[in-house]
Amino acid sequence: MHVLVLSTGNPLLENALLASGHTVTVLQPAGTDSIPGTTRHTVEHWDDLDALTALEPALPDVDAIATIDEQAIVAAAHLRQLRALPGLTVDAARAYTDKATMKTALAAASLPVARHRVVHHADEVATAARELGWPVLVKPRAGLATLNTFVVRDPDHLKELVDTGAFDTRITDPTGRLTAGHVLDSLHEAPHGFLVEQFLDVEAEFFCDLYVHRGTVLLAVPGRYDAPLLQSVGDASFDTVLPPDHPDARDIADLATRAAAALGAQSGAVHCEILRDRTKGLFIGEAGARPGGGSITELASVMYAFDLPATLAALATDTRPDLDTTPRFPALTAVMIPAPAGTVTNVADQDAIEELPGVLHADIRLTVGQPAPAGIGTMTRAGRVLYVPDHLDTLDQEVADLRAALDIRAE
């Protein structure tokens, strides 16, 4: 097959398609590096659908259009619709990427979501908060990695945030992959406004990645974060894939499956965030028509022993992959390596870490004498350790011991 892939610079899907014998054309932002073995076209902005329409006749005839990048999901659906190709529709793509549309669709399907209002300026936040009740959560309609997402406690706190420029601050992107979308925009720059959302007293945050073929869930991979993401931004964190018989796993997988059905059936990966309020139970935070970020996809593929790139390539070409739903471990954790501010002066040897009990693999991207790589939002770039816990009840201490063994120092 000939596949057009919309990509922001991570060539995982492109390389997997090439390895499977497919012809690949890539549409990517101007200024990004070309991918060997592919034909390249460029785009200035993913959300400029008029420019995409003008570009479409210059693109080659293809059998499928695919992406695993959040920013390009609507653009891929738009080109797919112009070519009358199967896959996620534009309406479904907007439901998966616009949090206001998403929450409205989920609520219409009787699924638990936080109430919200769309506003266009900080001046409107207080009115929305009076309707929803203080405190409130402010977030972009389209975004990722908790960028420009924060709690507003009360009117005095709102004034403080306005005065310090919280609504006018653009995000700095050390990855260089986000410049062709609106992810880096300040809240006041958002062309269609931003969300003021009911505040949930979140005691735990879960995730679930679904691998779906023509609307049928082939594999659900539920898991949990060590702490709610808004509490762990910029801190060392760890993610754990839960076994199917874990008390929380069934409810998490069920909510994620129902969310995917409500937003739009497809062939591909769906990543869901599920929140547990201390008194109100489970809520769907959001769902994306893409694999999970960070180490979540790696956790899934190791836990269930499947080739992740080959699976994504199969789903991109509407081929049903053969996935085993039997877990290999009682649980599996990805321990994110904290990136200290400054120049690294000491870090443990990777081989020594991999010899520790329970460690499957370590990816340490800290080098003595070099500055620690900067992250963005909840995304870390310092590496991670893949670890099989002795017991979930003692996991916090096990992770603390593992981080102590890393012996990371900086000045």
Protein backbone atom coordinates (compact mmCIF):
# COMPACT_ATOMS: atom_id res chain seq x y z
CA MET A 1 0.00 0.00 0.00
CA HIS A 2 0.95 3.63 -0.44
CA VAL A 3 0.38 5.55 2.81
CA LEU A 4 0.46 9.28 3.44
CA VAL A 5 1.66 9.91 7.00
CA LEU A 6 1.24 13.28 8.73
CA SER A 7 4.16 13.62 11.13
CA THR A 8 5.72 16.18 13.46
CA GLY A 9 9.12 14.54 13.57
CA ASN A 10 8.80 11.21 15.38
CA PRO A 11 9.27 8.67 12.53
CA LEU A 12 7.93 5.65 14.45
CA LEU A 13 4.95 5.05 12.15
CA GLU A 14 6.80 5.92 8.96
CA ASN A 15 9.65 3.52 9.69
CA ALA A 16 7.22 0.77 10.69
CA LEU A 17 5.32 1.14 7.42
CA LEU A 18 8.56 1.06 5.44
CA ALA A 19 9.67 -2.06 7.34
CA SER A 20 6.36 -3.70 6.43
CA GLY A 21 7.01 -3.08 2.74
CA HIS A 22 4.69 -0.12 2.19
CA THR A 23 5.42 3.02 0.18
CA VAL A 24 5.40 6.10 2.40
CA THR A 25 4.86 9.76 1.61
CA VAL A 26 5.26 12.13 4.56
CA LEU A 27 3.56 15.47 5.14
CA GLN A 28 5.44 17.35 7.86
CA PRO A 29 6.07 20.91 9.05
CA ALA A 30 8.54 23.00 7.08
CA GLY A 31 11.90 23.02 8.81
CA THR A 32 11.73 19.45 10.13
CA ASP A 33 14.17 16.80 8.95
CA SER A 34 13.24 14.52 6.07
CA ILE A 35 12.86 10.79 6.72
CA PRO A 36 15.03 8.43 4.66
CA GLY A 37 13.08 6.20 2.31
CA THR A 38 10.07 8.53 2.07
CA THR A 39 8.83 11.24 -0.27
CA ARG A 40 8.37 14.54 1.57
CA HIS A 41 5.85 17.37 1.37
CA THR A 42 5.66 20.23 3.86
CA VAL A 43 2.94 22.23 5.61
CA GLU A 44 3.16 25.54 7.45
CA HIS A 45 0.31 24.95 9.91
CA TRP A 46 -1.79 21.87 10.60
CA ASP A 47 -4.94 23.86 11.27
CA ASP A 48 -4.91 25.77 7.98
CA LEU A 49 -7.39 23.51 6.22
CA ASP A 50 -7.69 25.87 3.23
CA ALA A 51 -3.95 25.48 2.60
CA LEU A 52 -4.30 21.70 2.93
CA THR A 53 -7.13 21.75 0.40
CA ALA A 54 -4.94 23.70 -2.01
CA LEU A 55 -2.06 21.28 -1.43
CA GLU A 56 -4.12 18.11 -1.87
CA PRO A 57 -3.95 17.90 -5.71
CA ALA A 58 -0.13 17.90 -5.51
CA LEU A 59 -0.09 14.90 -3.21
CA PRO A 60 0.28 11.44 -4.79
CA ASP A 61 -2.48 8.86 -5.03
CA VAL A 62 -2.45 6.90 -1.77
CA ASP A 63 -4.41 4.02 -0.27
CA ALA A 64 -4.49 5.35 3.29
CA ILE A 65 -3.81 8.51 5.32
CA ALA A 66 -2.57 8.11 8.89
CA THR A 67 -1.03 9.92 11.84
CA ILE A 68 -0.17 9.24 15.46
CA ASP A 69 0.45 12.94 16.22
CA GLU A 70 -2.18 14.83 18.22
CA GLN A 71 -1.65 18.06 16.27
CA ALA A 72 -2.25 16.43 12.89
CA ILE A 73 -5.37 14.35 13.60
CA VAL A 74 -7.85 16.87 12.14
CA ALA A 75 -5.58 17.59 9.16
CA ALA A 76 -5.34 13.86 8.39
CA ALA A 77 -9.12 13.50 8.60
CA HIS A 78 -9.58 16.52 6.31
CA LEU A 79 -7.29 15.07 3.63
CA ARG A 80 -8.94 11.67 4.06
CA GLN A 81 -12.32 13.25 3.47
CA LEU A 82 -11.09 15.08 0.36
CA ARG A 83 -9.86 11.75 -1.02
CA ALA A 84 -12.93 9.77 0.14
CA LEU A 85 -10.66 7.37 2.01
CA PRO A 86 -11.80 5.32 5.03
CA GLY A 87 -10.81 6.25 8.55
CA LEU A 88 -11.58 8.78 11.25
CA THR A 89 -13.93 11.50 9.98
CA VAL A 90 -13.39 15.24 10.44
CA ASP A 91 -16.24 15.42 12.97
CA ALA A 92 -14.78 12.55 14.98
CA ALA A 93 -11.29 14.03 14.70
CA ARG A 94 -12.55 17.31 16.16
CA ALA A 95 -14.30 15.42 18.97
CA TYR A 96 -11.02 13.71 19.84
CA THR A 97 -8.93 16.90 19.75
CA ASP A 98 -11.24 19.75 20.87
CA LYS A 99 -11.87 19.27 24.59
CA ALA A 100 -15.08 21.30 24.53
CA THR A 101 -16.55 19.22 21.69
CA MET A 102 -15.22 16.07 23.37
CA LYS A 103 -16.85 16.73 26.74
CA THR A 104 -20.14 17.68 25.13
CA ALA A 105 -20.16 14.42 23.14
CA LEU A 106 -19.23 12.32 26.17
CA ALA A 107 -21.90 13.95 28.33
CA ALA A 108 -24.48 13.33 25.58
CA ALA A 109 -23.53 9.64 25.77
CA SER A 110 -24.24 9.72 29.55
CA LEU A 111 -20.57 9.35 30.40
CA PRO A 112 -19.15 11.12 33.49
CA VAL A 113 -17.21 14.28 32.61
CA ALA A 114 -16.52 17.56 34.39
CA ARG A 115 -18.88 20.40 33.50
CA HIS A 116 -17.28 23.17 31.44
CA ARG A 117 -17.72 26.58 29.81
CA VAL A 118 -15.89 28.06 26.81
CA VAL A 119 -14.52 31.56 27.35
CA HIS A 120 -12.30 33.86 25.27
CA HIS A 121 -10.60 36.03 27.87
CA ALA A 122 -9.56 35.94 31.51
CA ASP A 123 -12.25 38.57 32.17
CA GLU A 124 -14.87 35.85 31.58
CA VAL A 125 -13.38 33.27 33.95
CA ALA A 126 -15.05 34.63 37.10
CA THR A 127 -18.52 34.46 35.55
CA ALA A 128 -17.95 30.86 34.49
CA ALA A 129 -16.54 30.04 37.93
CA ARG A 130 -19.62 31.41 39.66
CA GLU A 131 -21.72 29.01 37.57
CA LEU A 132 -19.45 26.01 38.08
CA GLY A 133 -18.26 26.82 41.59
CA TRP A 134 -14.80 27.89 42.75
CA PRO A 135 -12.12 26.65 42.34
CA VAL A 136 -12.03 25.92 38.59
CA LEU A 137 -9.58 24.39 36.15
CA VAL A 138 -8.45 26.42 33.12
CA LYS A 139 -7.12 24.60 30.05
CA PRO A 140 -6.77 24.98 26.25
CA ARG A 141 -9.41 23.49 23.97
CA ALA A 142 -6.61 21.72 22.11
CA GLY A 143 -3.43 20.81 23.91
CA LEU A 144 -1.25 18.11 25.39
CA ALA A 145 1.07 17.35 28.32
CA THR A 146 -0.99 19.66 30.65
CA LEU A 147 0.42 22.74 28.87
CA ASN A 148 -1.32 25.98 29.92
CA THR A 149 -3.49 24.02 32.36
CA PHE A 150 -3.87 25.31 35.91
CA VAL A 151 -6.24 25.68 38.85
CA VAL A 152 -7.78 29.07 39.70
CA ARG A 153 -8.74 29.07 43.37
CA ASP A 154 -10.78 32.26 43.75
CA PRO A 155 -11.16 35.81 42.36
CA ASP A 156 -8.00 37.03 44.14
CA HIS A 157 -6.00 34.16 42.67
CA LEU A 158 -7.45 34.93 39.23
CA LYS A 159 -6.25 38.54 39.51
CA GLU A 160 -2.81 37.31 40.57
CA LEU A 161 -2.60 34.99 37.55
CA VAL A 162 -3.70 37.75 35.18
CA ASP A 163 -1.19 40.19 36.64
CA THR A 164 1.67 37.69 36.28
CA GLY A 165 0.79 36.98 32.64
CA ALA A 166 -0.47 33.40 33.01
CA PHE A 167 -3.08 33.91 30.26
CA ASP A 168 -0.61 35.59 27.88
CA THR A 169 2.42 33.32 28.22
CA ARG A 170 3.48 31.20 25.26
CA ILE A 171 5.03 27.79 25.86
CA THR A 172 8.71 27.23 25.08
CA ASP A 173 9.26 24.06 23.05
CA PRO A 174 12.73 22.48 23.42
CA THR A 175 11.68 19.60 21.13
CA GLY A 176 11.01 21.78 18.05
CA ARG A 177 8.06 19.53 17.13
CA LEU A 178 5.12 21.72 18.14
CA THR A 179 5.58 24.89 16.09
CA ALA A 180 3.05 24.03 13.34
CA GLY A 181 0.08 23.87 15.71
CA HIS A 182 -1.63 25.91 18.41
CA VAL A 183 -0.15 23.93 21.32
CA LEU A 184 2.38 26.66 22.16
CA ASP A 185 -0.15 29.51 22.01
CA SER A 186 -1.10 31.42 25.13
CA LEU A 187 -4.71 31.04 26.28
CA HIS A 188 -5.55 34.54 25.03
CA GLU A 189 -4.17 33.66 21.58
CA ALA A 190 -6.49 30.66 21.19
CA PRO A 191 -8.66 31.41 18.12
CA HIS A 192 -11.71 29.60 19.54
CA GLY A 193 -11.33 30.36 23.22
CA PHE A 194 -10.37 28.10 26.10
CA LEU A 195 -12.09 26.03 28.78
CA VAL A 196 -13.10 26.81 32.31
CA GLU A 197 -13.88 23.47 33.88
CA GLN A 198 -15.44 22.14 37.06
CA PHE A 199 -12.67 21.39 39.56
CA LEU A 200 -12.43 17.76 40.61
CA ASP A 201 -10.78 16.80 43.87
CA VAL A 202 -8.66 14.16 42.14
CA GLU A 203 -7.18 11.50 44.41
CA ALA A 204 -5.92 9.24 41.58
CA GLU A 205 -5.42 9.50 37.82
CA PHE A 206 -5.49 6.53 35.48
CA PHE A 207 -4.85 5.95 31.79
CA CYS A 208 -6.01 3.34 29.32
CA ASP A 209 -4.68 2.71 25.84
CA LEU A 210 -6.97 0.89 23.44
CA TYR A 211 -5.90 -0.84 20.24
CA VAL A 212 -8.95 -0.80 18.00
CA HIS A 213 -9.76 -2.33 14.61
CA ARG A 214 -12.91 -1.04 12.88
CA GLY A 215 -14.43 -0.09 16.21
CA THR A 216 -13.63 -3.38 17.94
CA VAL A 217 -11.26 -3.16 20.90
CA LEU A 218 -8.57 -5.81 20.44
CA LEU A 219 -6.59 -4.92 23.55
CA ALA A 220 -7.19 -2.56 26.48
CA VAL A 221 -4.18 -1.57 28.60
CA PRO A 222 -5.30 0.17 31.81
CA GLY A 223 -2.81 1.75 34.17
CA ARG A 224 -2.28 4.50 36.69
CA TYR A 225 0.02 7.45 37.27
CA ASP A 226 1.82 7.71 40.59
CA ALA A 227 -0.01 11.02 41.19
CA PRO A 228 -2.52 13.19 39.31
CA LEU A 229 -0.65 14.79 36.42
CA LEU A 230 -1.30 18.37 37.50
CA GLN A 231 0.42 17.56 40.79
CA SER A 232 3.47 16.01 39.14
CA VAL A 233 4.32 18.48 36.35
CA GLY A 234 8.05 19.06 36.41
CA ASP A 235 8.60 16.36 39.03
CA ALA A 236 9.88 12.82 38.77
CA SER A 237 6.95 10.49 38.11
CA PHE A 238 6.21 6.88 37.31
CA ASP A 239 3.49 5.12 35.32
CA THR A 240 2.26 1.60 36.02
CA VAL A 241 0.32 -0.80 33.80
CA LEU A 242 -2.18 -2.72 35.91
CA PRO A 243 -3.13 -6.38 35.44
CA PRO A 244 -6.67 -7.01 34.09
CA ASP A 245 -7.78 -8.46 37.45
CA HIS A 246 -6.77 -5.34 39.43
CA PRO A 247 -9.78 -3.80 41.25
CA ASP A 248 -9.56 -0.57 39.19
CA ALA A 249 -8.61 -2.06 35.82
CA ARG A 250 -12.02 -3.27 34.66
CA ASP A 251 -13.81 0.02 35.39
CA ILE A 252 -11.01 2.03 33.72
CA ALA A 253 -11.04 -0.14 30.57
CA ASP A 254 -14.85 -0.02 30.40
CA LEU A 255 -14.98 3.79 30.60
CA ALA A 256 -12.25 4.13 27.97
CA THR A 257 -14.05 1.74 25.62
CA ARG A 258 -17.33 3.62 26.01
CA ALA A 259 -15.56 6.95 25.44
CA ALA A 260 -13.98 5.71 22.20
CA ALA A 261 -17.36 4.46 20.97
CA ALA A 262 -18.98 7.83 21.76
CA LEU A 263 -16.31 9.90 20.01
CA GLY A 264 -15.92 7.85 16.83
CA ALA A 265 -15.13 4.29 15.84
CA GLN A 266 -11.91 3.79 13.93
CA SER A 267 -8.89 1.57 13.36
CA GLY A 268 -6.03 2.83 15.48
CA ALA A 269 -4.95 3.58 19.02
CA VAL A 270 -7.02 5.55 21.54
CA HIS A 271 -5.50 7.04 24.69
CA CYS A 272 -7.83 7.90 27.59
CA GLU A 273 -7.25 9.71 30.87
CA ILE A 274 -9.55 8.75 33.76
CA LEU A 275 -9.80 10.73 37.02
CA ARG A 276 -11.11 9.54 40.38
CA ASP A 277 -12.68 12.28 42.50
CA ARG A 278 -12.50 11.70 46.26
CA THR A 279 -16.28 11.78 46.65
CA LYS A 280 -17.81 11.65 43.16
CA GLY A 281 -16.09 8.58 41.66
CA LEU A 282 -14.62 8.18 38.18
CA PHE A 283 -14.65 10.85 35.45
CA ILE A 284 -13.31 10.76 31.90
CA GLY A 285 -10.69 13.47 31.65
CA GLU A 286 -10.05 13.24 27.93
CA ALA A 287 -9.48 10.82 25.06
CA GLY A 288 -7.11 11.09 22.09
CA ALA A 289 -7.14 9.26 18.76
CA ARG A 290 -3.48 8.34 19.21
CA PRO A 291 -1.25 6.20 21.41
CA GLY A 292 -0.34 7.39 24.89
CA GLY A 293 2.72 9.55 25.36
CA GLY A 294 5.78 9.09 27.52
CA SER A 295 6.47 5.42 28.19
CA ILE A 296 2.86 4.24 28.09
CA THR A 297 3.15 2.60 24.67
CA GLU A 298 6.37 0.87 25.70
CA LEU A 299 4.71 -0.40 28.87
CA ALA A 300 1.82 -1.79 26.82
CA SER A 301 4.03 -3.55 24.28
CA VAL A 302 6.28 -5.13 26.92
CA MET A 303 3.40 -6.13 29.21
CA TYR A 304 1.53 -7.84 26.36
CA ALA A 305 4.51 -8.88 24.22
CA PHE A 306 3.59 -7.23 20.93
CA ASP A 307 5.55 -5.26 18.36
CA LEU A 308 4.26 -1.72 18.83
CA PRO A 309 5.50 -0.19 15.52
CA ALA A 310 4.22 -3.17 13.50
CA THR A 311 0.86 -2.95 15.29
CA LEU A 312 0.50 0.76 14.54
CA ALA A 313 1.47 0.12 10.90
CA ALA A 314 -1.16 -2.63 10.64
CA LEU A 315 -3.89 -0.41 12.08
CA ALA A 316 -2.84 2.46 9.81
CA THR A 317 -3.43 0.19 6.80
CA ASP A 318 -6.72 -1.19 8.23
CA THR A 319 -5.17 -4.60 8.89
CA ARG A 320 -6.22 -6.45 12.04
CA PRO A 321 -3.15 -7.21 14.19
CA ASP A 322 -2.99 -10.39 16.25
CA LEU A 323 -2.77 -9.22 19.87
CA ASP A 324 -2.55 -11.45 22.94
CA THR A 325 -4.50 -10.22 25.97
CA THR A 326 -2.47 -12.27 28.47
CA PRO A 327 -0.14 -10.07 30.58
CA ARG A 328 3.48 -11.14 31.05
CA PHE A 329 3.91 -9.55 34.49
CA PRO A 330 1.75 -8.91 37.57
CA ALA A 331 2.37 -5.18 36.90
CA LEU A 332 4.93 -3.11 35.02
CA THR A 333 6.25 0.37 35.85
CA ALA A 334 8.13 3.03 33.90
CA VAL A 335 10.13 5.16 36.32
CA MET A 336 10.86 8.55 34.75
CA ILE A 337 14.36 9.81 35.45
CA PRO A 338 14.32 13.29 36.98
CA ALA A 339 16.22 15.92 35.01
CA PRO A 340 18.08 18.13 37.51
CA ALA A 341 18.65 21.78 36.75
CA GLY A 342 22.22 22.45 35.68
CA THR A 343 25.18 20.42 34.50
CA VAL A 344 25.26 16.73 35.39
CA THR A 345 28.16 15.81 37.68
CA ASN A 346 27.24 12.21 38.46
CA VAL A 347 24.85 9.49 37.30
CA ALA A 348 24.96 5.73 37.80
CA ASP A 349 26.17 3.46 35.01
CA GLN A 350 23.33 2.02 32.91
CA ASP A 351 24.67 -1.54 33.20
CA ALA A 352 24.73 -1.27 36.99
CA ILE A 353 21.09 -0.13 37.08
CA GLU A 354 20.03 -2.97 34.77
CA GLU A 355 21.59 -5.49 37.18
CA LEU A 356 19.25 -4.40 39.99
CA PRO A 357 16.38 -6.78 40.89
CA GLY A 358 13.23 -6.09 38.89
CA VAL A 359 14.88 -3.81 36.31
CA LEU A 360 14.16 -4.89 32.73
CA HIS A 361 15.84 -2.02 30.92
CA ALA A 362 17.24 1.44 31.63
CA ASP A 363 17.36 4.33 29.19
CA ILE A 364 19.53 7.00 30.83
CA ARG A 365 19.96 10.17 28.76
CA LEU A 366 22.07 12.08 31.28
CA THR A 367 25.75 12.57 30.50
CA VAL A 368 28.32 13.82 33.00
CA GLY A 369 29.53 17.25 31.96
CA GLN A 370 26.41 18.02 29.89
CA PRO A 371 23.31 20.06 30.82
CA ALA A 372 20.30 17.94 31.71
CA PRO A 373 17.80 17.94 28.80
CA ALA A 374 14.78 20.16 29.38
CA GLY A 375 11.31 18.64 29.32
CA ILE A 376 7.99 20.21 28.40
CA GLY A 377 4.84 19.89 30.50
CA THR A 378 4.59 16.28 31.67
CA MET A 379 7.08 15.08 29.05
CA THR A 380 10.54 14.20 30.36
CA ARG A 381 13.62 13.84 28.15
CA ALA A 382 16.07 12.45 30.71
CA GLY A 383 15.08 8.82 30.22
CA ARG A 384 13.32 6.08 32.17
CA VAL A 385 13.78 2.72 33.87
CA LEU A 386 11.44 -0.18 33.07
CA TYR A 387 10.75 -2.04 36.30
CA VAL A 388 8.69 -5.04 37.53
CA PRO A 389 7.39 -4.15 41.03
CA ASP A 390 7.61 -6.60 43.91
CA HIS A 391 4.20 -5.42 45.06
CA LEU A 392 1.98 -2.45 44.19
CA ASP A 393 1.51 -1.64 47.88
CA THR A 394 5.25 -1.01 48.28
CA LEU A 395 5.85 0.56 44.87
CA ASP A 396 6.46 4.08 46.19
CA GLN A 397 9.37 2.87 48.33
CA GLU A 398 10.70 0.62 45.56
CA VAL A 399 10.80 3.59 43.18
CA ALA A 400 12.49 5.76 45.81
CA ASP A 401 15.17 3.09 46.26
CA LEU A 402 15.66 2.86 42.51
CA ARG A 403 16.05 6.64 42.18
CA ALA A 404 18.57 6.63 45.01
CA ALA A 405 20.57 4.01 43.10
CA LEU A 406 20.64 6.31 40.07
CA ASP A 407 22.66 8.74 42.23
CA ILE A 408 22.00 11.76 39.98
CA ARG A 409 23.82 14.94 40.93
CA ALA A 410 24.17 18.29 39.15
CA GLU A 411 25.53 21.76 39.72
